[in-house]
All heavy atoms as atom14 arrays in JSON, in Angstrom:
{
  "sequence": "HREAAYYHACNRGKRSIIADFADADDLARVKALIANADVVIENFKTGS",
  "atom14_mask": [
    [1, 1, 1, 1, 1, 1, 1, 1, 1, 1, 0, 0, 0, 0],
    [1, 1, 1, 1, 1, 1, 1, 1, 1, 1, 1, 0, 0, 0],
    [1, 1, 1, 1, 1, 1, 1, 1, 1, 0, 0, 0, 0, 0],
    [1, 1, 1, 1, 1, 0, 0, 0, 0, 0, 0, 0, 0, 0],
    [1, 1, 1, 1, 1, 0, 0, 0, 0, 0, 0, 0, 0, 0],
    [1, 1, 1, 1, 1, 1, 1, 1, 1, 1, 1, 1, 0, 0],
    [1, 1, 1, 1, 1, 1, 1, 1, 1, 1, 1, 1, 0, 0],
    [1, 1, 1, 1, 1, 1, 1, 1, 1, 1, 0, 0, 0, 0],
    [1, 1, 1, 1, 1, 0, 0, 0, 0, 0, 0, 0, 0, 0],
    [1, 1, 1, 1, 1, 1, 0, 0, 0, 0, 0, 0, 0, 0],
    [1, 1, 1, 1, 1, 1, 1, 1, 0, 0, 0, 0, 0, 0],
    [1, 1, 1, 1, 1, 1, 1, 1, 1, 1, 1, 0, 0, 0],
    [1, 1, 1, 1, 0, 0, 0, 0, 0, 0, 0, 0, 0, 0],
    [1, 1, 1, 1, 1, 1, 1, 1, 1, 0, 0, 0, 0, 0],
    [1, 1, 1, 1, 1, 1, 1, 1, 1, 1, 1, 0, 0, 0],
    [1, 1, 1, 1, 1, 1, 0, 0, 0, 0, 0, 0, 0, 0],
    [1, 1, 1, 1, 1, 1, 1, 1, 0, 0, 0, 0, 0, 0],
    [1, 1, 1, 1, 1, 1, 1, 1, 0, 0, 0, 0, 0, 0],
    [1, 1, 1, 1, 1, 0, 0, 0, 0, 0, 0, 0, 0, 0],
    [1, 1, 1, 1, 1, 1, 1, 1, 0, 0, 0, 0, 0, 0],
    [1, 1, 1, 1, 1, 1, 1, 1, 1, 1, 1, 0, 0, 0],
    [1, 1, 1, 1, 1, 0, 0, 0, 0, 0, 0, 0, 0, 0],
    [1, 1, 1, 1, 1, 1, 1, 1, 0, 0, 0, 0, 0, 0],
    [1, 1, 1, 1, 1, 0, 0, 0, 0, 0, 0, 0, 0, 0],
    [1, 1, 1, 1, 1, 1, 1, 1, 0, 0, 0, 0, 0, 0],
    [1, 1, 1, 1, 1, 1, 1, 1, 0, 0, 0, 0, 0, 0],
    [1, 1, 1, 1, 1, 1, 1, 1, 0, 0, 0, 0, 0, 0],
    [1, 1, 1, 1, 1, 0, 0, 0, 0, 0, 0, 0, 0, 0],
    [1, 1, 1, 1, 1, 1, 1, 1, 1, 1, 1, 0, 0, 0],
    [1, 1, 1, 1, 1, 1, 1, 0, 0, 0, 0, 0, 0, 0],
    [1, 1, 1, 1, 1, 1, 1, 1, 1, 0, 0, 0, 0, 0],
    [1, 1, 1, 1, 1, 0, 0, 0, 0, 0, 0, 0, 0, 0],
    [1, 1, 1, 1, 1, 1, 1, 1, 0, 0, 0, 0, 0, 0],
    [1, 1, 1, 1, 1, 1, 1, 1, 0, 0, 0, 0, 0, 0],
    [1, 1, 1, 1, 1, 0, 0, 0, 0, 0, 0, 0, 0, 0],
    [1, 1, 1, 1, 1, 1, 1, 1, 0, 0, 0, 0, 0, 0],
    [1, 1, 1, 1, 1, 0, 0, 0, 0, 0, 0, 0, 0, 0],
    [1, 1, 1, 1, 1, 1, 1, 1, 0, 0, 0, 0, 0, 0],
    [1, 1, 1, 1, 1, 1, 1, 0, 0, 0, 0, 0, 0, 0],
    [1, 1, 1, 1, 1, 1, 1, 0, 0, 0, 0, 0, 0, 0],
    [1, 1, 1, 1, 1, 1, 1, 1, 0, 0, 0, 0, 0, 0],
    [1, 1, 1, 1, 1, 1, 1, 1, 1, 0, 0, 0, 0, 0],
    [1, 1, 1, 1, 1, 1, 1, 1, 0, 0, 0, 0, 0, 0],
    [1, 1, 1, 1, 1, 1, 1, 1, 1, 1, 1, 0, 0, 0],
    [1, 1, 1, 1, 1, 1, 1, 1, 1, 0, 0, 0, 0, 0],
    [1, 1, 1, 1, 1, 1, 1, 0, 0, 0, 0, 0, 0, 0],
    [1, 1, 1, 1, 0, 0, 0, 0, 0, 0, 0, 0, 0, 0],
    [1, 1, 1, 1, 1, 1, 0, 0, 0, 0, 0, 0, 0, 0]
  ],
  "atom14_positions": [
    [[147.52, 81.1, 155.19], [146.78, 80.13, 154.4], [147.64, 78.89, 154.25], [148.78, 78.97, 153.79], [146.43, 80.7, 153.02], [145.52, 81.87, 153.08], [144.15, 81.77, 152.83], [145.77, 83.18, 153.35], [143.61, 82.98, 152.96], [144.56, 83.84, 153.26], [0.0, 0.0, 0.0], [0.0, 0.0, 0.0], [0.0, 0.0, 0.0], [0.0, 0.0, 0.0]],
    [[147.09, 77.73, 154.58], [147.78, 76.46, 154.47], [147.21, 75.7, 153.27], [146.01, 75.35, 153.27], [147.61, 75.64, 155.76], [148.39, 74.34, 155.81], [148.27, 73.75, 157.2], [149.07, 72.57, 157.39], [148.57, 71.31, 157.38], [147.28, 71.13, 157.2], [149.37, 70.28, 157.57], [0.0, 0.0, 0.0], [0.0, 0.0, 0.0], [0.0, 0.0, 0.0]],
    [[148.02, 75.48, 152.27], [147.56, 74.86, 151.04], [148.5, 73.72, 150.66], [149.68, 73.74, 150.99], [147.53, 75.87, 149.9], [146.67, 77.11, 150.18], [147.18, 78.31, 149.39], [148.4, 78.49, 149.26], [146.32, 79.09, 148.95], [0.0, 0.0, 0.0], [0.0, 0.0, 0.0], [0.0, 0.0, 0.0], [0.0, 0.0, 0.0], [0.0, 0.0, 0.0]],
    [[147.95, 72.76, 149.92], [148.78, 71.64, 149.46], [149.74, 72.1, 148.37], [149.41, 72.91, 147.51], [147.88, 70.53, 148.94], [0.0, 0.0, 0.0], [0.0, 0.0, 0.0], [0.0, 0.0, 0.0], [0.0, 0.0, 0.0], [0.0, 0.0, 0.0], [0.0, 0.0, 0.0], [0.0, 0.0, 0.0], [0.0, 0.0, 0.0], [0.0, 0.0, 0.0]],
    [[150.94, 71.53, 148.42], [151.93, 71.84, 147.37], [151.39, 71.41, 146.01], [151.73, 72.04, 144.99], [153.25, 71.12, 147.68], [0.0, 0.0, 0.0], [0.0, 0.0, 0.0], [0.0, 0.0, 0.0], [0.0, 0.0, 0.0], [0.0, 0.0, 0.0], [0.0, 0.0, 0.0], [0.0, 0.0, 0.0], [0.0, 0.0, 0.0], [0.0, 0.0, 0.0]],
    [[150.57, 70.38, 145.96], [149.99, 69.89, 144.7], [149.32, 71.02, 143.94], [149.47, 71.15, 142.72], [148.98, 68.78, 145.02], [148.5, 67.98, 143.83], [148.83, 66.63, 143.71], [147.7, 68.55, 142.84], [148.36, 65.89, 142.63], [147.24, 67.81, 141.76], [147.58, 66.49, 141.67], [147.14, 65.76, 140.6], [0.0, 0.0, 0.0], [0.0, 0.0, 0.0]],
    [[148.56, 71.85, 144.65], [147.84, 72.96, 144.02], [148.77, 73.88, 143.27], [148.45, 74.39, 142.18], [147.07, 73.72, 145.1], [146.63, 75.1, 144.69], [145.52, 75.3, 143.88], [147.32, 76.23, 145.12], [145.13, 76.56, 143.5], [146.93, 77.5, 144.73], [145.83, 77.66, 143.92], [145.45, 78.93, 143.54], [0.0, 0.0, 0.0], [0.0, 0.0, 0.0]],
    [[149.97, 74.1, 143.83], [150.92, 75.03, 143.23], [151.57, 74.48, 141.94], [152.2, 75.23, 141.21], [152.01, 75.4, 144.24], [151.47, 76.17, 145.41], [151.29, 77.53, 145.4], [151.05, 75.74, 146.64], [150.8, 77.92, 146.55], [150.64, 76.86, 147.34], [0.0, 0.0, 0.0], [0.0, 0.0, 0.0], [0.0, 0.0, 0.0], [0.0, 0.0, 0.0]],
    [[151.39, 73.2, 141.69], [152.0, 72.6, 140.5], [151.26, 72.99, 139.23], [151.79, 72.81, 138.14], [152.01, 71.07, 140.65], [0.0, 0.0, 0.0], [0.0, 0.0, 0.0], [0.0, 0.0, 0.0], [0.0, 0.0, 0.0], [0.0, 0.0, 0.0], [0.0, 0.0, 0.0], [0.0, 0.0, 0.0], [0.0, 0.0, 0.0], [0.0, 0.0, 0.0]],
    [[150.03, 73.53, 139.35], [149.25, 73.78, 138.14], [148.44, 75.07, 138.17], [147.48, 75.24, 137.41], [148.32, 72.59, 137.86], [147.36, 72.05, 139.27], [0.0, 0.0, 0.0], [0.0, 0.0, 0.0], [0.0, 0.0, 0.0], [0.0, 0.0, 0.0], [0.0, 0.0, 0.0], [0.0, 0.0, 0.0], [0.0, 0.0, 0.0], [0.0, 0.0, 0.0]],
    [[148.83, 76.01, 139.02], [148.08, 77.26, 139.13], [148.92, 78.53, 139.17], [148.39, 79.6, 139.48], [147.15, 77.18, 140.36], [146.0, 76.24, 140.14], [145.08, 76.51, 139.36], [146.04, 75.1, 140.81], [0.0, 0.0, 0.0], [0.0, 0.0, 0.0], [0.0, 0.0, 0.0], [0.0, 0.0, 0.0], [0.0, 0.0, 0.0], [0.0, 0.0, 0.0]],
    [[150.17, 78.4, 138.81], [151.05, 79.57, 138.78], [150.53, 80.63, 137.8], [149.99, 80.31, 136.74], [152.45, 79.14, 138.37], [153.47, 80.24, 138.26], [154.84, 79.72, 137.86], [154.83, 78.96, 136.61], [155.07, 77.67, 136.54], [155.37, 76.95, 137.61], [155.02, 77.04, 135.37], [0.0, 0.0, 0.0], [0.0, 0.0, 0.0], [0.0, 0.0, 0.0]],
    [[150.72, 81.89, 138.15], [150.48, 82.98, 137.22], [149.05, 83.44, 137.07], [148.75, 84.29, 136.22], [0.0, 0.0, 0.0], [0.0, 0.0, 0.0], [0.0, 0.0, 0.0], [0.0, 0.0, 0.0], [0.0, 0.0, 0.0], [0.0, 0.0, 0.0], [0.0, 0.0, 0.0], [0.0, 0.0, 0.0], [0.0, 0.0, 0.0], [0.0, 0.0, 0.0]],
    [[148.11, 82.89, 137.86], [146.71, 83.19, 137.7], [146.2, 84.18, 138.76], [146.85, 84.42, 139.78], [145.88, 81.9, 137.79], [146.31, 80.84, 136.83], [145.54, 79.53, 137.08], [146.07, 78.39, 136.2], [145.39, 77.12, 136.5], [0.0, 0.0, 0.0], [0.0, 0.0, 0.0], [0.0, 0.0, 0.0], [0.0, 0.0, 0.0], [0.0, 0.0, 0.0]],
    [[145.03, 84.72, 138.5], [144.25, 85.44, 139.51], [143.12, 84.52, 139.97], [142.72, 83.62, 139.22], [143.68, 86.74, 138.95], [144.78, 87.76, 138.62], [144.17, 89.12, 138.31], [143.67, 89.21, 136.95], [142.86, 90.18, 136.53], [142.4, 91.07, 137.4], [142.44, 90.21, 135.27], [0.0, 0.0, 0.0], [0.0, 0.0, 0.0], [0.0, 0.0, 0.0]],
    [[142.65, 84.73, 141.2], [141.59, 83.87, 141.74], [140.44, 84.71, 142.25], [140.63, 85.65, 143.03], [142.14, 83.0, 142.88], [141.07, 82.34, 143.56], [0.0, 0.0, 0.0], [0.0, 0.0, 0.0], [0.0, 0.0, 0.0], [0.0, 0.0, 0.0], [0.0, 0.0, 0.0], [0.0, 0.0, 0.0], [0.0, 0.0, 0.0], [0.0, 0.0, 0.0]],
    [[139.23, 84.37, 141.79], [138.02, 84.97, 142.35], [137.11, 83.85, 142.81], [137.21, 82.7, 142.35], [137.29, 85.87, 141.36], [136.7, 85.06, 140.2], [138.21, 87.0, 140.84], [135.73, 85.86, 139.33], [0.0, 0.0, 0.0], [0.0, 0.0, 0.0], [0.0, 0.0, 0.0], [0.0, 0.0, 0.0], [0.0, 0.0, 0.0], [0.0, 0.0, 0.0]],
    [[136.22, 84.15, 143.75], [135.27, 83.17, 144.28], [133.9, 83.45, 143.71], [133.44, 84.6, 143.7], [135.24, 83.23, 145.82], [136.6, 82.83, 146.4], [134.14, 82.33, 146.37], [136.7, 83.03, 147.9], [0.0, 0.0, 0.0], [0.0, 0.0, 0.0], [0.0, 0.0, 0.0], [0.0, 0.0, 0.0], [0.0, 0.0, 0.0], [0.0, 0.0, 0.0]],
    [[133.25, 82.41, 143.22], [131.91, 82.56, 142.71], [131.11, 81.27, 142.95], [131.6, 80.18, 142.71], [131.91, 82.86, 141.2], [0.0, 0.0, 0.0], [0.0, 0.0, 0.0], [0.0, 0.0, 0.0], [0.0, 0.0, 0.0], [0.0, 0.0, 0.0], [0.0, 0.0, 0.0], [0.0, 0.0, 0.0], [0.0, 0.0, 0.0], [0.0, 0.0, 0.0]],
    [[129.91, 81.47, 143.45], [128.95, 80.37, 143.63], [127.96, 80.47, 142.48], [127.18, 81.42, 142.41], [128.25, 80.5, 144.99], [127.25, 79.39, 145.26], [126.99, 78.6, 144.32], [126.74, 79.33, 146.38], [0.0, 0.0, 0.0], [0.0, 0.0, 0.0], [0.0, 0.0, 0.0], [0.0, 0.0, 0.0], [0.0, 0.0, 0.0], [0.0, 0.0, 0.0]],
    [[127.98, 79.52, 141.57], [127.12, 79.59, 140.4], [125.64, 79.6, 140.78], [124.79, 80.04, 139.99], [127.38, 78.44, 139.44], [128.75, 78.46, 138.81], [129.25, 77.32, 138.17], [129.56, 79.59, 138.84], [130.51, 77.33, 137.57], [130.82, 79.61, 138.26], [131.29, 78.47, 137.64], [0.0, 0.0, 0.0], [0.0, 0.0, 0.0], [0.0, 0.0, 0.0]],
    [[125.3, 79.1, 141.96], [123.91, 79.11, 142.4], [123.46, 80.46, 142.91], [122.27, 80.69, 143.14], [123.72, 78.06, 143.51], [0.0, 0.0, 0.0], [0.0, 0.0, 0.0], [0.0, 0.0, 0.0], [0.0, 0.0, 0.0], [0.0, 0.0, 0.0], [0.0, 0.0, 0.0], [0.0, 0.0, 0.0], [0.0, 0.0, 0.0], [0.0, 0.0, 0.0]],
    [[124.41, 81.38, 143.07], [124.1, 82.74, 143.51], [123.97, 83.64, 142.28], [124.88, 83.73, 141.46], [125.2, 83.25, 144.43], [124.96, 84.65, 144.93], [125.25, 85.61, 144.18], [124.48, 84.8, 146.06], [0.0, 0.0, 0.0], [0.0, 0.0, 0.0], [0.0, 0.0, 0.0], [0.0, 0.0, 0.0], [0.0, 0.0, 0.0], [0.0, 0.0, 0.0]],
    [[122.85, 84.29, 142.13], [122.57, 85.09, 140.91], [123.59, 86.17, 140.69], [124.02, 86.41, 139.54], [121.16, 85.68, 141.01], [0.0, 0.0, 0.0], [0.0, 0.0, 0.0], [0.0, 0.0, 0.0], [0.0, 0.0, 0.0], [0.0, 0.0, 0.0], [0.0, 0.0, 0.0], [0.0, 0.0, 0.0], [0.0, 0.0, 0.0], [0.0, 0.0, 0.0]],
    [[124.01, 86.85, 141.73], [124.99, 87.93, 141.58], [126.34, 87.38, 141.15], [127.02, 87.94, 140.28], [125.12, 88.73, 142.89], [123.89, 89.55, 143.2], [123.11, 89.83, 142.24], [123.69, 89.89, 144.36], [0.0, 0.0, 0.0], [0.0, 0.0, 0.0], [0.0, 0.0, 0.0], [0.0, 0.0, 0.0], [0.0, 0.0, 0.0], [0.0, 0.0, 0.0]],
    [[126.75, 86.28, 141.78], [128.04, 85.67, 141.42], [128.02, 85.18, 139.98], [128.98, 85.35, 139.23], [128.36, 84.5, 142.36], [128.89, 84.93, 143.71], [128.96, 86.16, 143.94], [129.19, 84.05, 144.53], [0.0, 0.0, 0.0], [0.0, 0.0, 0.0], [0.0, 0.0, 0.0], [0.0, 0.0, 0.0], [0.0, 0.0, 0.0], [0.0, 0.0, 0.0]],
    [[126.89, 84.56, 139.59], [126.8, 84.04, 138.23], [126.84, 85.18, 137.22], [127.51, 85.07, 136.17], [125.48, 83.25, 138.08], [125.25, 82.57, 136.74], [126.37, 81.6, 136.4], [123.9, 81.84, 136.74], [0.0, 0.0, 0.0], [0.0, 0.0, 0.0], [0.0, 0.0, 0.0], [0.0, 0.0, 0.0], [0.0, 0.0, 0.0], [0.0, 0.0, 0.0]],
    [[126.18, 86.28, 137.53], [126.2, 87.43, 136.63], [127.6, 87.97, 136.49], [128.02, 88.41, 135.4], [125.25, 88.51, 137.14], [0.0, 0.0, 0.0], [0.0, 0.0, 0.0], [0.0, 0.0, 0.0], [0.0, 0.0, 0.0], [0.0, 0.0, 0.0], [0.0, 0.0, 0.0], [0.0, 0.0, 0.0], [0.0, 0.0, 0.0], [0.0, 0.0, 0.0]],
    [[128.34, 87.95, 137.59], [129.73, 88.45, 137.56], [130.58, 87.57, 136.63], [131.41, 88.06, 135.86], [130.28, 88.45, 138.97], [131.68, 89.03, 139.08], [132.18, 88.91, 140.49], [133.52, 89.46, 140.64], [134.36, 89.11, 141.59], [134.01, 88.21, 142.49], [135.55, 89.66, 141.66], [0.0, 0.0, 0.0], [0.0, 0.0, 0.0], [0.0, 0.0, 0.0]],
    [[130.41, 86.24, 136.72], [131.19, 85.34, 135.87], [130.83, 85.56, 134.41], [131.7, 85.62, 133.54], [130.93, 83.88, 136.29], [131.59, 82.92, 135.3], [131.49, 83.63, 137.69], [0.0, 0.0, 0.0], [0.0, 0.0, 0.0], [0.0, 0.0, 0.0], [0.0, 0.0, 0.0], [0.0, 0.0, 0.0], [0.0, 0.0, 0.0], [0.0, 0.0, 0.0]],
    [[129.54, 85.72, 134.12], [129.12, 85.93, 132.73], [129.68, 87.24, 132.19], [130.04, 87.34, 131.01], [127.61, 85.9, 132.64], [127.02, 84.5, 132.82], [125.51, 84.5, 132.71], [124.94, 83.1, 132.87], [123.46, 83.1, 132.8], [0.0, 0.0, 0.0], [0.0, 0.0, 0.0], [0.0, 0.0, 0.0], [0.0, 0.0, 0.0], [0.0, 0.0, 0.0]],
    [[129.77, 88.26, 133.05], [130.33, 89.53, 132.63], [131.82, 89.39, 132.29], [132.31, 90.01, 131.35], [130.11, 90.58, 133.71], [0.0, 0.0, 0.0], [0.0, 0.0, 0.0], [0.0, 0.0, 0.0], [0.0, 0.0, 0.0], [0.0, 0.0, 0.0], [0.0, 0.0, 0.0], [0.0, 0.0, 0.0], [0.0, 0.0, 0.0], [0.0, 0.0, 0.0]],
    [[132.53, 88.59, 133.08], [133.94, 88.33, 132.78], [134.09, 87.65, 131.43], [134.97, 88.0, 130.63], [134.56, 87.44, 133.86], [135.0, 88.06, 135.17], [135.45, 86.95, 136.13], [136.13, 89.04, 134.93], [0.0, 0.0, 0.0], [0.0, 0.0, 0.0], [0.0, 0.0, 0.0], [0.0, 0.0, 0.0], [0.0, 0.0, 0.0], [0.0, 0.0, 0.0]],
    [[133.21, 86.68, 131.15], [133.32, 85.92, 129.93], [132.89, 86.74, 128.72], [133.34, 86.49, 127.59], [132.5, 84.61, 130.04], [133.11, 83.72, 131.14], [132.42, 83.87, 128.73], [132.28, 82.5, 131.47], [0.0, 0.0, 0.0], [0.0, 0.0, 0.0], [0.0, 0.0, 0.0], [0.0, 0.0, 0.0], [0.0, 0.0, 0.0], [0.0, 0.0, 0.0]],
    [[132.04, 87.73, 128.94], [131.51, 88.53, 127.82], [132.61, 89.19, 127.01], [132.43, 89.43, 125.8], [130.54, 89.57, 128.34], [0.0, 0.0, 0.0], [0.0, 0.0, 0.0], [0.0, 0.0, 0.0], [0.0, 0.0, 0.0], [0.0, 0.0, 0.0], [0.0, 0.0, 0.0], [0.0, 0.0, 0.0], [0.0, 0.0, 0.0], [0.0, 0.0, 0.0]],
    [[133.75, 89.51, 127.64], [134.84, 90.11, 126.88], [136.14, 89.32, 127.0], [137.22, 89.84, 126.88], [135.07, 91.59, 127.29], [135.58, 91.7, 128.71], [135.63, 90.73, 129.45], [135.98, 92.91, 129.09], [0.0, 0.0, 0.0], [0.0, 0.0, 0.0], [0.0, 0.0, 0.0], [0.0, 0.0, 0.0], [0.0, 0.0, 0.0], [0.0, 0.0, 0.0]],
    [[135.96, 88.0, 127.26], [137.13, 87.11, 127.34], [137.43, 86.54, 125.96], [136.58, 86.48, 125.06], [136.86, 85.98, 128.34], [0.0, 0.0, 0.0], [0.0, 0.0, 0.0], [0.0, 0.0, 0.0], [0.0, 0.0, 0.0], [0.0, 0.0, 0.0], [0.0, 0.0, 0.0], [0.0, 0.0, 0.0], [0.0, 0.0, 0.0], [0.0, 0.0, 0.0]],
    [[138.67, 86.11, 125.81], [139.07, 85.41, 124.59], [138.86, 83.91, 124.7], [138.53, 83.24, 123.73], [140.58, 85.67, 124.31], [140.86, 87.13, 124.04], [140.53, 87.59, 122.93], [141.38, 87.8, 124.94], [0.0, 0.0, 0.0], [0.0, 0.0, 0.0], [0.0, 0.0, 0.0], [0.0, 0.0, 0.0], [0.0, 0.0, 0.0], [0.0, 0.0, 0.0]],
    [[139.07, 83.38, 125.92], [139.08, 81.94, 126.09], [138.38, 81.58, 127.41], [138.53, 82.28, 128.41], [140.53, 81.4, 126.15], [140.55, 79.88, 126.44], [141.29, 81.71, 124.87], [0.0, 0.0, 0.0], [0.0, 0.0, 0.0], [0.0, 0.0, 0.0], [0.0, 0.0, 0.0], [0.0, 0.0, 0.0], [0.0, 0.0, 0.0], [0.0, 0.0, 0.0]],
    [[137.61, 80.51, 127.38], [137.11, 79.86, 128.59], [137.66, 78.45, 128.61], [137.64, 77.75, 127.59], [135.56, 79.83, 128.62], [135.06, 78.84, 129.69], [135.0, 81.21, 128.9], [0.0, 0.0, 0.0], [0.0, 0.0, 0.0], [0.0, 0.0, 0.0], [0.0, 0.0, 0.0], [0.0, 0.0, 0.0], [0.0, 0.0, 0.0], [0.0, 0.0, 0.0]],
    [[138.16, 78.02, 129.78], [138.55, 76.63, 130.0], [137.61, 76.06, 131.06], [137.48, 76.64, 132.15], [140.01, 76.52, 130.5], [140.98, 77.19, 129.55], [140.4, 75.06, 130.73], [142.37, 77.36, 130.14], [0.0, 0.0, 0.0], [0.0, 0.0, 0.0], [0.0, 0.0, 0.0], [0.0, 0.0, 0.0], [0.0, 0.0, 0.0], [0.0, 0.0, 0.0]],
    [[136.96, 74.96, 130.75], [136.09, 74.33, 131.75], [136.27, 72.84, 131.72], [136.52, 72.25, 130.66], [134.62, 74.73, 131.52], [134.0, 74.28, 130.21], [133.31, 72.91, 130.31], [133.26, 72.32, 131.4], [132.83, 72.44, 129.26], [0.0, 0.0, 0.0], [0.0, 0.0, 0.0], [0.0, 0.0, 0.0], [0.0, 0.0, 0.0], [0.0, 0.0, 0.0]],
    [[136.18, 72.2, 132.91], [136.28, 70.74, 132.95], [135.19, 70.11, 133.8], [135.41, 69.16, 134.54], [137.67, 70.29, 133.4], [138.02, 70.68, 134.82], [137.28, 71.44, 135.47], [139.12, 70.18, 135.34], [0.0, 0.0, 0.0], [0.0, 0.0, 0.0], [0.0, 0.0, 0.0], [0.0, 0.0, 0.0], [0.0, 0.0, 0.0], [0.0, 0.0, 0.0]],
    [[133.96, 70.68, 133.63], [132.8, 70.08, 134.27], [132.3, 68.9, 133.44], [132.64, 68.76, 132.26], [131.69, 71.12, 134.4], [131.93, 72.14, 135.49], [132.9, 73.13, 135.34], [131.19, 72.08, 136.66], [133.11, 74.05, 136.36], [131.42, 73.0, 137.68], [132.38, 73.99, 137.53], [0.0, 0.0, 0.0], [0.0, 0.0, 0.0], [0.0, 0.0, 0.0]],
    [[131.51, 68.04, 134.04], [130.94, 66.91, 133.3], [130.13, 67.45, 132.13], [129.53, 68.53, 132.19], [130.05, 66.06, 134.21], [130.82, 65.19, 135.17], [129.9, 64.38, 136.07], [129.12, 63.34, 135.27], [128.32, 62.46, 136.14], [0.0, 0.0, 0.0], [0.0, 0.0, 0.0], [0.0, 0.0, 0.0], [0.0, 0.0, 0.0], [0.0, 0.0, 0.0]],
    [[130.13, 66.7, 131.04], [129.48, 67.11, 129.81], [128.04, 67.58, 130.06], [127.23, 66.85, 130.64], [129.47, 65.95, 128.8], [130.82, 65.61, 128.5], [128.75, 66.33, 127.51], [0.0, 0.0, 0.0], [0.0, 0.0, 0.0], [0.0, 0.0, 0.0], [0.0, 0.0, 0.0], [0.0, 0.0, 0.0], [0.0, 0.0, 0.0], [0.0, 0.0, 0.0]],
    [[127.75, 68.81, 129.64], [126.4, 69.37, 129.74], [126.02, 69.98, 131.06], [124.99, 70.64, 131.15], [0.0, 0.0, 0.0], [0.0, 0.0, 0.0], [0.0, 0.0, 0.0], [0.0, 0.0, 0.0], [0.0, 0.0, 0.0], [0.0, 0.0, 0.0], [0.0, 0.0, 0.0], [0.0, 0.0, 0.0], [0.0, 0.0, 0.0], [0.0, 0.0, 0.0]],
    [[126.86, 69.83, 132.1], [126.42, 70.27, 133.43], [126.44, 71.78, 133.62], [125.77, 72.31, 134.5], [127.25, 69.6, 134.52], [128.61, 69.95, 134.41], [0.0, 0.0, 0.0], [0.0, 0.0, 0.0], [0.0, 0.0, 0.0], [0.0, 0.0, 0.0], [0.0, 0.0, 0.0], [0.0, 0.0, 0.0], [0.0, 0.0, 0.0], [0.0, 0.0, 0.0]]
  ]
}
């Protein structure tokens, strides 16, 4: 995998999953993760 060094400046220590919010199964999976999460961080445009 060839990735920019920039990415590594702000993503240490995390796990990564892939989800397409337009896919019903992926969206359900994300909501299930959040159902027992303590914190959500999001930086989408307001209301989107």
